[in-house]
């Protein structure tokens, strides 16, 4: 059974575009987060959740946005690019959200663990939380909206195909073959 849009050319191009953008984004993220920094001192690793976030919020709202915003936005595009590369942008749901957020959290965890060997970089569990929250927020804000747009476009594009199938009509019931006994 052929589903509408399951293997047509626009869907393949859409998934390929999503995959290319995903790889490009991950390369940029890797370059931004895994290059060595020359700093006179490095803060200790933070393994206690919300310590850095609370400290930044205590400095004031502008300072908090300025220092926490980059961590929130770093992996946020994954919230759209992962479903796009998988071809599941039009079929958003709780399972897709959970898969996307889990994948974003694992990418963030990988980055944080790799940063432990990079000079000038330290592990911060709050970066993991903020990166994952950014993926979830981007998914919740954009994927349902993009899914509606894609379903409407697919409906417009597939409307003529559905009309052709209706005009053909039924060819009658499926023929059956009577049982034939087996020779002794």
C-alpha atoms as a PDB file:
ATOM      1  CA  UNK A   1       0.000   0.000   0.000  1.00  0.00           C
ATOM      2  CA  UNK A   2       1.423   3.365  -1.000  1.00  0.00           C
ATOM      3  CA  UNK A   3       1.009   6.219   1.418  1.00  0.00           C
ATOM      4  CA  UNK A   4       0.678   9.681  -0.005  1.00  0.00           C
ATOM      5  CA  UNK A   5       4.058  11.391   0.185  1.00  0.00           C
ATOM      6  CA  UNK A   6       5.923   8.387   1.555  1.00  0.00           C
ATOM      7  CA  UNK A   7       8.457   8.148  -1.267  1.00  0.00           C
ATOM      8  CA  UNK A   8       7.651  10.902  -3.719  1.00  0.00           C
ATOM      9  CA  UNK A   9      10.361  13.232  -4.944  1.00  0.00           C
ATOM     10  CA  UNK A  10       9.454  16.295  -2.760  1.00  0.00           C
ATOM     11  CA  UNK A  11       9.550  14.142   0.388  1.00  0.00           C
ATOM     12  CA  UNK A  12      12.957  12.704  -0.492  1.00  0.00           C
ATOM     13  CA  UNK A  13      14.308  16.187  -1.245  1.00  0.00           C
ATOM     14  CA  UNK A  14      12.834  17.492   2.018  1.00  0.00           C
ATOM     15  CA  UNK A  15      14.488  14.725   4.049  1.00  0.00           C
ATOM     16  CA  UNK A  16      17.795  15.159   2.218  1.00  0.00           C
ATOM     17  CA  UNK A  17      17.706  18.899   2.903  1.00  0.00           C
ATOM     18  CA  UNK A  18      17.008  18.201   6.560  1.00  0.00           C
ATOM     19  CA  UNK A  19      19.905  15.753   6.748  1.00  0.00           C
ATOM     20  CA  UNK A  20      22.330  18.185   5.088  1.00  0.00           C
ATOM     21  CA  UNK A  21      21.250  21.016   7.396  1.00  0.00           C
ATOM     22  CA  UNK A  22      21.521  18.699  10.416  1.00  0.00           C
ATOM     23  CA  UNK A  23      25.086  17.683   9.545  1.00  0.00           C
ATOM     24  CA  UNK A  24      26.056  21.307   8.845  1.00  0.00           C
ATOM     25  CA  UNK A  25      24.576  22.429  12.164  1.00  0.00           C
ATOM     26  CA  UNK A  26      26.373  19.685  14.090  1.00  0.00           C
ATOM     27  CA  UNK A  27      29.673  20.609  12.427  1.00  0.00           C
ATOM     28  CA  UNK A  28      29.227  24.261  13.445  1.00  0.00           C
ATOM     29  CA  UNK A  29      28.267  23.222  16.988  1.00  0.00           C
ATOM     30  CA  UNK A  30      31.316  20.974  17.176  1.00  0.00           C
ATOM     31  CA  UNK A  31      33.562  23.787  16.017  1.00  0.00           C
ATOM     32  CA  UNK A  32      32.050  26.253  18.497  1.00  0.00           C
ATOM     33  CA  UNK A  33      32.129  23.959  21.505  1.00  0.00           C
ATOM     34  CA  UNK A  34      35.169  21.734  21.020  1.00  0.00           C
ATOM     35  CA  UNK A  35      37.872  24.184  20.000  1.00  0.00           C
ATOM     36  CA  UNK A  36      40.409  25.051  22.692  1.00  0.00           C
ATOM     37  CA  UNK A  37      40.131  28.388  24.457  1.00  0.00           C
ATOM     38  CA  UNK A  38      43.018  30.437  25.751  1.00  0.00           C
ATOM     39  CA  UNK A  39      41.875  31.757  29.091  1.00  0.00           C
ATOM     40  CA  UNK A  40      43.891  32.720  32.173  1.00  0.00           C
ATOM     41  CA  UNK A  41      41.750  30.506  34.417  1.00  0.00           C
ATOM     42  CA  UNK A  42      39.037  27.905  34.129  1.00  0.00           C
ATOM     43  CA  UNK A  43      36.169  27.427  36.550  1.00  0.00           C
ATOM     44  CA  UNK A  44      35.675  24.038  38.136  1.00  0.00           C
ATOM     45  CA  UNK A  45      33.286  21.533  36.619  1.00  0.00           C
ATOM     46  CA  UNK A  46      29.687  21.905  37.757  1.00  0.00           C
ATOM     47  CA  UNK A  47      27.958  18.606  38.444  1.00  0.00           C
ATOM     48  CA  UNK A  48      25.122  20.043  40.565  1.00  0.00           C
ATOM     49  CA  UNK A  49      21.993  20.886  38.549  1.00  0.00           C
ATOM     50  CA  UNK A  50      20.707  24.486  38.479  1.00  0.00           C
ATOM     51  CA  UNK A  51      23.695  26.008  40.344  1.00  0.00           C
ATOM     52  CA  UNK A  52      24.939  27.992  37.332  1.00  0.00           C
ATOM     53  CA  UNK A  53      21.413  28.942  36.299  1.00  0.00           C
ATOM     54  CA  UNK A  54      20.579  30.276  39.780  1.00  0.00           C
ATOM     55  CA  UNK A  55      23.859  32.201  39.947  1.00  0.00           C
ATOM     56  CA  UNK A  56      23.195  33.824  36.566  1.00  0.00           C
ATOM     57  CA  UNK A  57      19.584  34.667  37.482  1.00  0.00           C
ATOM     58  CA  UNK A  58      20.847  36.312  40.680  1.00  0.00           C
ATOM     59  CA  UNK A  59      22.954  38.698  38.561  1.00  0.00           C
ATOM     60  CA  UNK A  60      19.817  40.127  36.965  1.00  0.00           C
ATOM     61  CA  UNK A  61      17.565  39.327  34.035  1.00  0.00           C
ATOM     62  CA  UNK A  62      19.718  40.942  31.329  1.00  0.00           C
ATOM     63  CA  UNK A  63      22.877  39.181  32.476  1.00  0.00           C
ATOM     64  CA  UNK A  64      20.968  35.900  32.744  1.00  0.00           C
ATOM     65  CA  UNK A  65      19.649  36.178  29.177  1.00  0.00           C
ATOM     66  CA  UNK A  66      23.096  37.184  27.941  1.00  0.00           C
ATOM     67  CA  UNK A  67      24.887  34.258  29.601  1.00  0.00           C
ATOM     68  CA  UNK A  68      22.214  31.516  29.490  1.00  0.00           C
ATOM     69  CA  UNK A  69      20.779  32.355  26.065  1.00  0.00           C
ATOM     70  CA  UNK A  70      23.647  30.871  24.025  1.00  0.00           C
ATOM     71  CA  UNK A  71      23.330  27.540  25.854  1.00  0.00           C
ATOM     72  CA  UNK A  72      19.581  27.564  25.270  1.00  0.00           C
ATOM     73  CA  UNK A  73      19.962  28.355  21.558  1.00  0.00           C
ATOM     74  CA  UNK A  74      23.001  26.190  20.739  1.00  0.00           C
ATOM     75  CA  UNK A  75      21.143  22.953  20.010  1.00  0.00           C
ATOM     76  CA  UNK A  76      17.650  24.424  19.522  1.00  0.00           C
ATOM     77  CA  UNK A  77      17.743  23.873  15.731  1.00  0.00           C
ATOM     78  CA  UNK A  78      17.870  20.131  16.434  1.00  0.00           C
ATOM     79  CA  UNK A  79      14.258  20.439  17.592  1.00  0.00           C
ATOM     80  CA  UNK A  80      13.287  20.990  13.944  1.00  0.00           C
ATOM     81  CA  UNK A  81      16.165  19.405  12.024  1.00  0.00           C
ATOM     82  CA  UNK A  82      15.884  15.961  13.623  1.00  0.00           C
ATOM     83  CA  UNK A  83      12.191  15.461  12.686  1.00  0.00           C
ATOM     84  CA  UNK A  84      12.883  17.023   9.284  1.00  0.00           C
ATOM     85  CA  UNK A  85      15.758  14.642   8.532  1.00  0.00           C
ATOM     86  CA  UNK A  86      13.671  11.701   9.678  1.00  0.00           C
ATOM     87  CA  UNK A  87      10.736  12.790   7.523  1.00  0.00           C
ATOM     88  CA  UNK A  88       8.410  13.073  10.521  1.00  0.00           C
ATOM     89  CA  UNK A  89       7.814  16.814  10.544  1.00  0.00           C
ATOM     90  CA  UNK A  90       4.193  16.506   9.427  1.00  0.00           C
ATOM     91  CA  UNK A  91       3.423  13.763  11.948  1.00  0.00           C
ATOM     92  CA  UNK A  92       4.302  15.449  15.227  1.00  0.00           C
ATOM     93  CA  UNK A  93       3.269  13.804  18.464  1.00  0.00           C
ATOM     94  CA  UNK A  94       4.402  12.866  21.924  1.00  0.00           C
ATOM     95  CA  UNK A  95       6.587  10.019  20.675  1.00  0.00           C
ATOM     96  CA  UNK A  96       8.307  12.280  18.158  1.00  0.00           C
ATOM     97  CA  UNK A  97       8.835  14.927  20.849  1.00  0.00           C
ATOM     98  CA  UNK A  98      10.319  12.372  23.242  1.00  0.00           C
ATOM     99  CA  UNK A  99      12.619  10.971  20.541  1.00  0.00           C
ATOM    100  CA  UNK A 100      13.792  14.444  19.506  1.00  0.00           C
ATOM    101  CA  UNK A 101      14.402  15.654  23.065  1.00  0.00           C
ATOM    102  CA  UNK A 102      16.215  12.426  23.993  1.00  0.00           C
ATOM    103  CA  UNK A 103      18.449  12.690  20.920  1.00  0.00           C
ATOM    104  CA  UNK A 104      19.157  16.356  21.705  1.00  0.00           C
ATOM    105  CA  UNK A 105      20.047  15.440  25.290  1.00  0.00           C
ATOM    106  CA  UNK A 106      22.423  12.708  24.101  1.00  0.00           C
ATOM    107  CA  UNK A 107      24.122  15.096  21.654  1.00  0.00           C
ATOM    108  CA  UNK A 108      24.487  17.637  24.457  1.00  0.00           C
ATOM    109  CA  UNK A 109      25.856  14.991  26.817  1.00  0.00           C
ATOM    110  CA  UNK A 110      28.370  13.922  24.182  1.00  0.00           C
ATOM    111  CA  UNK A 111      29.518  17.512  23.728  1.00  0.00           C
ATOM    112  CA  UNK A 112      29.857  18.043  27.479  1.00  0.00           C
ATOM    113  CA  UNK A 113      31.857  14.842  27.895  1.00  0.00           C
ATOM    114  CA  UNK A 114      34.133  15.697  24.964  1.00  0.00           C
ATOM    115  CA  UNK A 115      34.739  19.152  26.431  1.00  0.00           C
ATOM    116  CA  UNK A 116      36.441  17.635  29.470  1.00  0.00           C
ATOM    117  CA  UNK A 117      39.539  16.974  27.314  1.00  0.00           C
ATOM    118  CA  UNK A 118      39.558  20.393  25.607  1.00  0.00           C
ATOM    119  CA  UNK A 119      41.778  23.101  27.145  1.00  0.00           C
ATOM    120  CA  UNK A 120      39.746  25.998  28.512  1.00  0.00           C
ATOM    121  CA  UNK A 121      36.454  24.058  28.578  1.00  0.00           C
ATOM    122  CA  UNK A 122      34.739  22.443  31.549  1.00  0.00           C
ATOM    123  CA  UNK A 123      31.779  20.205  32.128  1.00  0.00           C
ATOM    124  CA  UNK A 124      28.613  21.993  33.276  1.00  0.00           C
ATOM    125  CA  UNK A 125      25.441  19.991  33.849  1.00  0.00           C
ATOM    126  CA  UNK A 126      23.402  23.185  33.481  1.00  0.00           C
ATOM    127  CA  UNK A 127      24.567  23.482  29.875  1.00  0.00           C
ATOM    128  CA  UNK A 128      23.146  20.006  29.320  1.00  0.00           C
ATOM    129  CA  UNK A 129      19.819  21.091  30.833  1.00  0.00           C
ATOM    130  CA  UNK A 130      19.696  24.328  28.840  1.00  0.00           C
ATOM    131  CA  UNK A 131      20.648  22.645  25.557  1.00  0.00           C
ATOM    132  CA  UNK A 132      17.945  20.019  26.051  1.00  0.00           C
ATOM    133  CA  UNK A 133      15.380  22.663  27.005  1.00  0.00           C
ATOM    134  CA  UNK A 134      16.270  24.577  23.830  1.00  0.00           C
ATOM    135  CA  UNK A 135      15.604  21.490  21.703  1.00  0.00           C
ATOM    136  CA  UNK A 136      12.240  20.921  23.438  1.00  0.00           C
ATOM    137  CA  UNK A 137      11.172  24.570  23.109  1.00  0.00           C
ATOM    138  CA  UNK A 138      12.091  24.713  19.419  1.00  0.00           C
ATOM    139  CA  UNK A 139      10.171  21.492  18.790  1.00  0.00           C
ATOM    140  CA  UNK A 140       7.079  22.689  20.661  1.00  0.00           C
ATOM    141  CA  UNK A 141       7.080  26.103  18.990  1.00  0.00           C
ATOM    142  CA  UNK A 142       7.874  25.145  15.402  1.00  0.00           C
ATOM    143  CA  UNK A 143       7.151  21.509  14.569  1.00  0.00           C
ATOM    144  CA  UNK A 144       3.350  21.598  15.071  1.00  0.00           C
ATOM    145  CA  UNK A 145       3.130  24.788  12.996  1.00  0.00           C
ATOM    146  CA  UNK A 146       5.345  23.372  10.235  1.00  0.00           C
ATOM    147  CA  UNK A 147       3.392  20.113  10.358  1.00  0.00           C
ATOM    148  CA  UNK A 148       0.130  21.937   9.669  1.00  0.00           C
ATOM    149  CA  UNK A 149       1.715  23.825   6.775  1.00  0.00           C
ATOM    150  CA  UNK A 150       3.128  20.612   5.280  1.00  0.00           C
ATOM    151  CA  UNK A 151      -0.171  18.750   5.642  1.00  0.00           C
ATOM    152  CA  UNK A 152      -1.995  21.599   3.900  1.00  0.00           C
ATOM    153  CA  UNK A 153       0.555  21.645   1.068  1.00  0.00           C
ATOM    154  CA  UNK A 154       0.394  17.855   0.734  1.00  0.00           C
ATOM    155  CA  UNK A 155      -3.396  17.993   0.707  1.00  0.00           C
ATOM    156  CA  UNK A 156      -3.341  20.590  -2.081  1.00  0.00           C
ATOM    157  CA  UNK A 157      -0.767  18.612  -4.051  1.00  0.00           C
ATOM    158  CA  UNK A 158      -2.489  15.286  -3.436  1.00  0.00           C
ATOM    159  CA  UNK A 159      -6.011  16.555  -4.032  1.00  0.00           C
ATOM    160  CA  UNK A 160      -5.842  15.770  -7.731  1.00  0.00           C
ATOM    161  CA  UNK A 161      -4.541  12.227  -7.106  1.00  0.00           C
ATOM    162  CA  UNK A 162      -7.354  11.556  -4.637  1.00  0.00           C
ATOM    163  CA  UNK A 163      -9.900  12.859  -7.162  1.00  0.00           C
ATOM    164  CA  UNK A 164      -8.528  10.520  -9.835  1.00  0.00           C
ATOM    165  CA  UNK A 165      -8.865   7.530  -7.501  1.00  0.00           C
ATOM    166  CA  UNK A 166     -12.472   8.469  -6.720  1.00  0.00           C
ATOM    167  CA  UNK A 167     -13.348   8.838 -10.413  1.00  0.00           C
ATOM    168  CA  UNK A 168     -11.991   5.383 -11.248  1.00  0.00           C
ATOM    169  CA  UNK A 169     -14.476   3.846  -8.870  1.00  0.00           C
ATOM    170  CA  UNK A 170     -14.569   0.320  -7.558  1.00  0.00           C
ATOM    171  CA  UNK A 171     -13.888  -2.573  -9.857  1.00  0.00           C
ATOM    172  CA  UNK A 172     -16.186  -4.835  -7.905  1.00  0.00           C
ATOM    173  CA  UNK A 173     -15.541  -7.439  -5.270  1.00  0.00           C
ATOM    174  CA  UNK A 174     -12.297  -9.348  -5.175  1.00  0.00           C
ATOM    175  CA  UNK A 175     -12.718 -12.622  -7.101  1.00  0.00           C
ATOM    176  CA  UNK A 176     -12.396 -15.837  -5.164  1.00  0.00           C
ATOM    177  CA  UNK A 177     -11.209 -19.200  -6.408  1.00  0.00           C
ATOM    178  CA  UNK A 178     -13.288 -22.207  -5.353  1.00  0.00           C
ATOM    179  CA  UNK A 179     -11.437 -24.932  -3.506  1.00  0.00           C
ATOM    180  CA  UNK A 180     -10.232 -27.743  -5.656  1.00  0.00           C
ATOM    181  CA  UNK A 181      -9.614 -31.098  -4.047  1.00  0.00           C
ATOM    182  CA  UNK A 182      -6.236 -32.741  -4.257  1.00  0.00           C
ATOM    183  CA  UNK A 183      -5.969 -35.892  -6.370  1.00  0.00           C
ATOM    184  CA  UNK A 184      -5.384 -39.139  -4.449  1.00  0.00           C
END
